[in-house]
């Protein structure tokens, strides 16, 4: 079975937000991106290219690429354990980044993955949950504050959260509780290191074109231990992909940002 979404499902649920004239999924380009990312990642990190590309595509508002990326991995890897591993990496990258990109641009990618799982009778691999239910608000707020502190330690932009507290205190609390405490903080229970989760967030923001926030999260990613070569490659691919997609983003200088990190 080839890696292709059901046309009627794709049109109704996955590609509906794609602008007219946007280039279609390009497997050769995606495969090259996989190879270039894996060349920068250590042996134990090779599979991270899939969640990285997931967030790159979602940030660039091309969620339709995500289910194709997943299904092509299934076609290539027949054993269920590695397919399950890649699924959870992709799912956690979406959990970590959706609030930074916007739900309307993320849900089509999720629905496309559901279509892949159902057509290939793989729904059972998606049943594991890593976050507590019901939600423990007090615990999540503590976790959220800890995650924010660890993430932005070297970034030096505390004034942003201070300004939000002046007129949007409930918004700031919601971000701490849900985005950082539940979404991002919960990824640890899925076996991800915080630096990996932050790398996914940074990738989505970079490809979205939110330049100021991209600079902050590039510095956060580097400060948390991600290799400069990996981050630079992500920036390079995000610029290439968004140019190809007809929505170019502003270039950022990773080397210069690395020098700004507050140690």
Protein backbone atom coordinates (compact mmCIF):
# COMPACT_ATOMS: atom_id res chain seq x y z
CA UNK A 1 0.00 0.00 0.00
CA UNK A 2 1.43 3.38 -0.98
CA UNK A 3 1.64 6.33 1.35
CA UNK A 4 -1.31 8.42 0.23
CA UNK A 5 -4.28 9.76 2.15
CA UNK A 6 -7.82 8.88 1.12
CA UNK A 7 -8.66 11.70 -1.36
CA UNK A 8 -12.10 12.49 0.05
CA UNK A 9 -10.83 12.47 3.65
CA UNK A 10 -7.84 14.59 2.75
CA UNK A 11 -9.95 17.19 0.98
CA UNK A 12 -12.50 17.40 3.79
CA UNK A 13 -10.27 17.32 6.86
CA UNK A 14 -6.57 17.72 6.07
CA UNK A 15 -5.90 20.06 3.15
CA UNK A 16 -8.86 22.41 3.56
CA UNK A 17 -6.78 25.33 4.91
CA UNK A 18 -4.04 25.11 2.30
CA UNK A 19 -3.95 28.20 0.11
CA UNK A 20 -4.80 27.77 -3.59
CA UNK A 21 -1.74 27.07 -5.72
CA UNK A 22 0.37 25.79 -2.82
CA UNK A 23 2.84 23.12 -3.95
CA UNK A 24 1.79 19.52 -3.25
CA UNK A 25 3.58 17.09 -0.98
CA UNK A 26 7.07 16.44 -2.34
CA UNK A 27 8.49 13.09 -1.10
CA UNK A 28 11.94 13.72 -2.56
CA UNK A 29 12.29 17.00 -0.67
CA UNK A 30 11.04 15.46 2.56
CA UNK A 31 13.42 12.52 2.24
CA UNK A 32 16.33 14.92 1.74
CA UNK A 33 15.30 16.84 4.85
CA UNK A 34 15.25 13.58 6.82
CA UNK A 35 18.74 12.69 5.62
CA UNK A 36 20.15 16.16 6.33
CA UNK A 37 18.71 16.25 9.83
CA UNK A 38 19.91 12.74 10.63
CA UNK A 39 23.40 13.74 9.53
CA UNK A 40 23.39 16.31 12.36
CA UNK A 41 21.76 14.13 15.01
CA UNK A 42 23.61 11.58 17.13
CA UNK A 43 22.94 7.88 16.58
CA UNK A 44 20.52 7.72 19.51
CA UNK A 45 18.63 10.78 18.23
CA UNK A 46 18.05 9.77 14.60
CA UNK A 47 14.29 9.34 15.02
CA UNK A 48 13.97 12.94 16.24
CA UNK A 49 14.01 14.03 12.62
CA UNK A 50 10.33 12.98 12.42
CA UNK A 51 8.97 15.16 15.25
CA UNK A 52 11.27 17.99 14.13
CA UNK A 53 9.81 17.88 10.63
CA UNK A 54 6.31 17.51 12.07
CA UNK A 55 6.65 20.81 13.88
CA UNK A 56 8.45 22.47 10.97
CA UNK A 57 5.54 21.62 8.64
CA UNK A 58 2.88 22.61 11.16
CA UNK A 59 4.60 25.91 11.89
CA UNK A 60 4.72 26.63 8.16
CA UNK A 61 0.97 25.92 7.98
CA UNK A 62 1.44 22.75 5.97
CA UNK A 63 -0.07 20.23 8.35
CA UNK A 64 -1.04 18.16 5.31
CA UNK A 65 2.61 17.06 5.08
CA UNK A 66 2.54 15.44 8.51
CA UNK A 67 0.36 12.36 7.88
CA UNK A 68 2.28 11.68 4.67
CA UNK A 69 5.55 11.87 6.60
CA UNK A 70 4.16 9.38 9.13
CA UNK A 71 2.74 6.99 6.56
CA UNK A 72 5.92 6.91 4.54
CA UNK A 73 7.75 5.87 7.70
CA UNK A 74 5.22 3.07 8.21
CA UNK A 75 5.77 1.86 4.65
CA UNK A 76 9.53 1.87 5.21
CA UNK A 77 9.51 0.30 8.71
CA UNK A 78 7.24 -2.69 9.11
CA UNK A 79 7.92 -3.55 12.76
CA UNK A 80 5.27 -2.12 15.07
CA UNK A 81 7.64 -1.10 17.89
CA UNK A 82 9.54 1.49 15.85
CA UNK A 83 6.33 2.73 14.21
CA UNK A 84 4.87 3.18 17.69
CA UNK A 85 7.98 5.07 18.82
CA UNK A 86 7.78 7.48 15.89
CA UNK A 87 4.04 7.97 16.42
CA UNK A 88 4.56 9.02 20.05
CA UNK A 89 7.45 11.29 19.15
CA UNK A 90 5.28 13.01 16.56
CA UNK A 91 2.31 13.18 18.93
CA UNK A 92 4.40 14.70 21.71
CA UNK A 93 5.91 17.26 19.33
CA UNK A 94 2.37 18.32 18.41
CA UNK A 95 1.32 18.45 22.06
CA UNK A 96 4.28 20.66 22.90
CA UNK A 97 3.89 23.05 19.97
CA UNK A 98 0.21 23.41 19.10
CA UNK A 99 -0.35 26.39 21.42
CA UNK A 100 2.56 28.21 19.78
CA UNK A 101 1.19 27.69 16.26
CA UNK A 102 -2.60 27.66 16.58
CA UNK A 103 -5.17 24.88 16.77
CA UNK A 104 -6.67 25.44 13.27
CA UNK A 105 -3.28 24.71 11.71
CA UNK A 106 -2.58 21.68 13.90
CA UNK A 107 -5.86 19.73 13.91
CA UNK A 108 -5.71 18.89 10.17
CA UNK A 109 -2.35 17.19 10.75
CA UNK A 110 -3.82 15.25 13.68
CA UNK A 111 -6.85 14.13 11.67
CA UNK A 112 -4.58 13.02 8.85
CA UNK A 113 -2.63 10.85 11.28
CA UNK A 114 -5.91 9.37 12.55
CA UNK A 115 -6.81 8.47 8.96
CA UNK A 116 -3.45 6.72 8.54
CA UNK A 117 -3.89 4.75 11.77
CA UNK A 118 -7.41 3.68 10.88
CA UNK A 119 -6.67 2.65 7.31
CA UNK A 120 -3.71 0.59 8.45
CA UNK A 121 -5.49 -0.88 11.51
CA UNK A 122 -2.97 0.67 13.88
CA UNK A 123 -5.33 2.48 16.26
CA UNK A 124 -4.14 0.35 19.17
CA UNK A 125 -0.67 1.93 19.16
CA UNK A 126 -2.23 5.30 20.04
CA UNK A 127 -3.97 4.28 23.26
CA UNK A 128 -1.26 5.13 25.78
CA UNK A 129 -1.67 8.39 27.71
CA UNK A 130 1.09 10.02 29.74
CA UNK A 131 -0.64 12.89 31.53
CA UNK A 132 -2.67 12.75 34.74
CA UNK A 133 -6.47 12.71 34.66
CA UNK A 134 -8.18 14.48 36.36
CA UNK A 135 -5.89 17.48 36.22
CA UNK A 136 -4.08 18.48 39.38
CA UNK A 137 -4.12 22.26 38.96
CA UNK A 138 -1.74 23.10 41.81
CA UNK A 139 0.82 20.53 40.68
CA UNK A 140 0.59 21.64 37.04
CA UNK A 141 1.12 25.28 37.99
CA UNK A 142 4.26 24.33 39.90
CA UNK A 143 5.47 22.24 36.96
CA UNK A 144 4.67 25.04 34.54
CA UNK A 145 6.67 27.59 36.51
CA UNK A 146 9.61 25.18 36.73
CA UNK A 147 9.52 24.48 32.99
CA UNK A 148 9.37 28.21 32.17
CA UNK A 149 12.27 28.93 34.49
CA UNK A 150 14.41 26.15 32.98
CA UNK A 151 13.48 27.07 29.41
CA UNK A 152 14.13 30.81 29.59
CA UNK A 153 17.07 30.75 31.99
CA UNK A 154 19.54 31.95 29.36
CA UNK A 155 17.16 34.03 27.27
CA UNK A 156 16.81 37.16 29.40
CA UNK A 157 13.25 38.22 28.53
CA UNK A 158 11.47 38.10 31.89
CA UNK A 159 9.80 41.40 31.06
CA UNK A 160 7.40 39.65 28.66
CA UNK A 161 5.76 37.63 31.42
CA UNK A 162 5.82 40.64 33.75
CA UNK A 163 3.98 42.76 31.17
CA UNK A 164 1.37 40.05 30.59
CA UNK A 165 0.64 40.03 34.32
CA UNK A 166 -0.33 43.71 34.22
CA UNK A 167 -3.43 43.32 32.03
CA UNK A 168 -3.67 39.60 31.19
CA UNK A 169 -3.06 37.73 34.47
CA UNK A 170 -5.54 34.96 33.64
CA UNK A 171 -3.92 34.42 30.29
CA UNK A 172 -0.51 34.14 31.92
CA UNK A 173 -1.90 31.64 34.43
CA UNK A 174 -3.50 29.61 31.65
CA UNK A 175 -0.24 29.51 29.74
CA UNK A 176 1.64 28.35 32.85
CA UNK A 177 -0.99 25.75 33.68
CA UNK A 178 -1.87 24.26 30.30
CA UNK A 179 0.90 25.11 27.85
CA UNK A 180 3.91 24.71 30.13
CA UNK A 181 2.56 22.55 32.94
CA UNK A 182 0.38 20.08 31.04
CA UNK A 183 1.50 20.10 27.41
CA UNK A 184 5.23 20.66 27.72
CA UNK A 185 5.84 19.41 31.26
CA UNK A 186 3.94 16.19 30.55
CA UNK A 187 6.33 15.21 27.78
CA UNK A 188 8.82 14.04 30.40
CA UNK A 189 6.41 11.23 31.27
CA UNK A 190 6.53 10.18 27.63
CA UNK A 191 10.30 9.77 27.91
CA UNK A 192 11.39 13.01 26.28
CA UNK A 193 14.15 15.20 27.64
CA UNK A 194 13.12 18.87 28.14
CA UNK A 195 15.73 19.99 25.58
CA UNK A 196 14.03 17.81 22.94
CA UNK A 197 10.60 19.23 23.69
CA UNK A 198 11.98 22.77 23.51
CA UNK A 199 13.61 21.93 20.17
CA UNK A 200 10.19 20.98 18.79
CA UNK A 201 8.66 24.22 20.06
CA UNK A 202 11.50 26.27 18.59
CA UNK A 203 11.15 24.53 15.23
CA UNK A 204 7.44 25.32 14.99
CA UNK A 205 8.01 28.96 15.91
CA UNK A 206 10.93 29.33 13.49
CA UNK A 207 8.94 28.05 10.51
CA UNK A 208 5.89 30.12 11.51
CA UNK A 209 7.82 33.30 10.84
CA UNK A 210 7.40 34.71 14.37
CA UNK A 211 10.92 36.13 14.30
CA UNK A 212 11.23 37.67 17.76
CA UNK A 213 9.90 34.54 19.46
CA UNK A 214 12.04 32.38 17.16
CA UNK A 215 15.17 34.15 18.37
CA UNK A 216 14.16 33.60 22.00
CA UNK A 217 13.46 29.90 21.49
CA UNK A 218 16.60 29.32 19.48
CA UNK A 219 18.54 30.69 22.44
CA UNK A 220 16.45 28.58 24.81
CA UNK A 221 17.12 25.45 22.73
CA UNK A 222 20.84 26.07 22.70
CA UNK A 223 20.90 26.96 26.37
CA UNK A 224 19.18 23.68 27.23
CA UNK A 225 21.85 21.67 25.45
CA UNK A 226 20.80 21.23 21.84
CA UNK A 227 23.73 21.17 19.42
CA UNK A 228 24.25 24.33 17.39
CA UNK A 229 24.61 22.25 14.22
CA UNK A 230 21.15 20.74 14.73
CA UNK A 231 19.52 24.11 15.41
CA UNK A 232 21.31 25.73 12.45
CA UNK A 233 20.13 22.93 10.16
CA UNK A 234 16.55 23.40 11.34
CA UNK A 235 16.75 27.12 10.59
CA UNK A 236 18.23 26.37 7.16
CA UNK A 237 15.49 23.85 6.30
CA UNK A 238 12.73 26.11 7.63
CA UNK A 239 13.92 28.92 5.39
CA UNK A 240 14.21 26.61 2.41
CA UNK A 241 10.80 25.03 2.97
CA UNK A 242 8.92 28.29 3.51
CA UNK A 243 10.55 29.78 0.39
CA UNK A 244 9.49 26.71 -1.59
CA UNK A 245 5.99 26.95 -0.11
CA UNK A 246 5.66 30.59 -1.19
CA UNK A 247 5.68 32.09 2.31
CA UNK A 248 9.30 33.03 3.08
CA UNK A 249 10.38 33.88 6.61
CA UNK A 250 13.05 36.21 7.92
CA UNK A 251 16.49 34.65 8.34
CA UNK A 252 18.03 34.45 11.80
CA UNK A 253 21.70 34.13 12.73
CA UNK A 254 22.10 31.10 14.99
CA UNK A 255 25.77 31.78 15.72
CA UNK A 256 25.00 35.33 16.85
CA UNK A 257 22.13 34.15 19.03
CA UNK A 258 24.37 31.53 20.64
CA UNK A 259 26.72 34.31 21.69
CA UNK A 260 23.86 36.16 23.41
CA UNK A 261 22.86 33.35 25.73
CA UNK A 262 22.98 34.40 29.36
CA UNK A 263 24.98 31.75 31.20
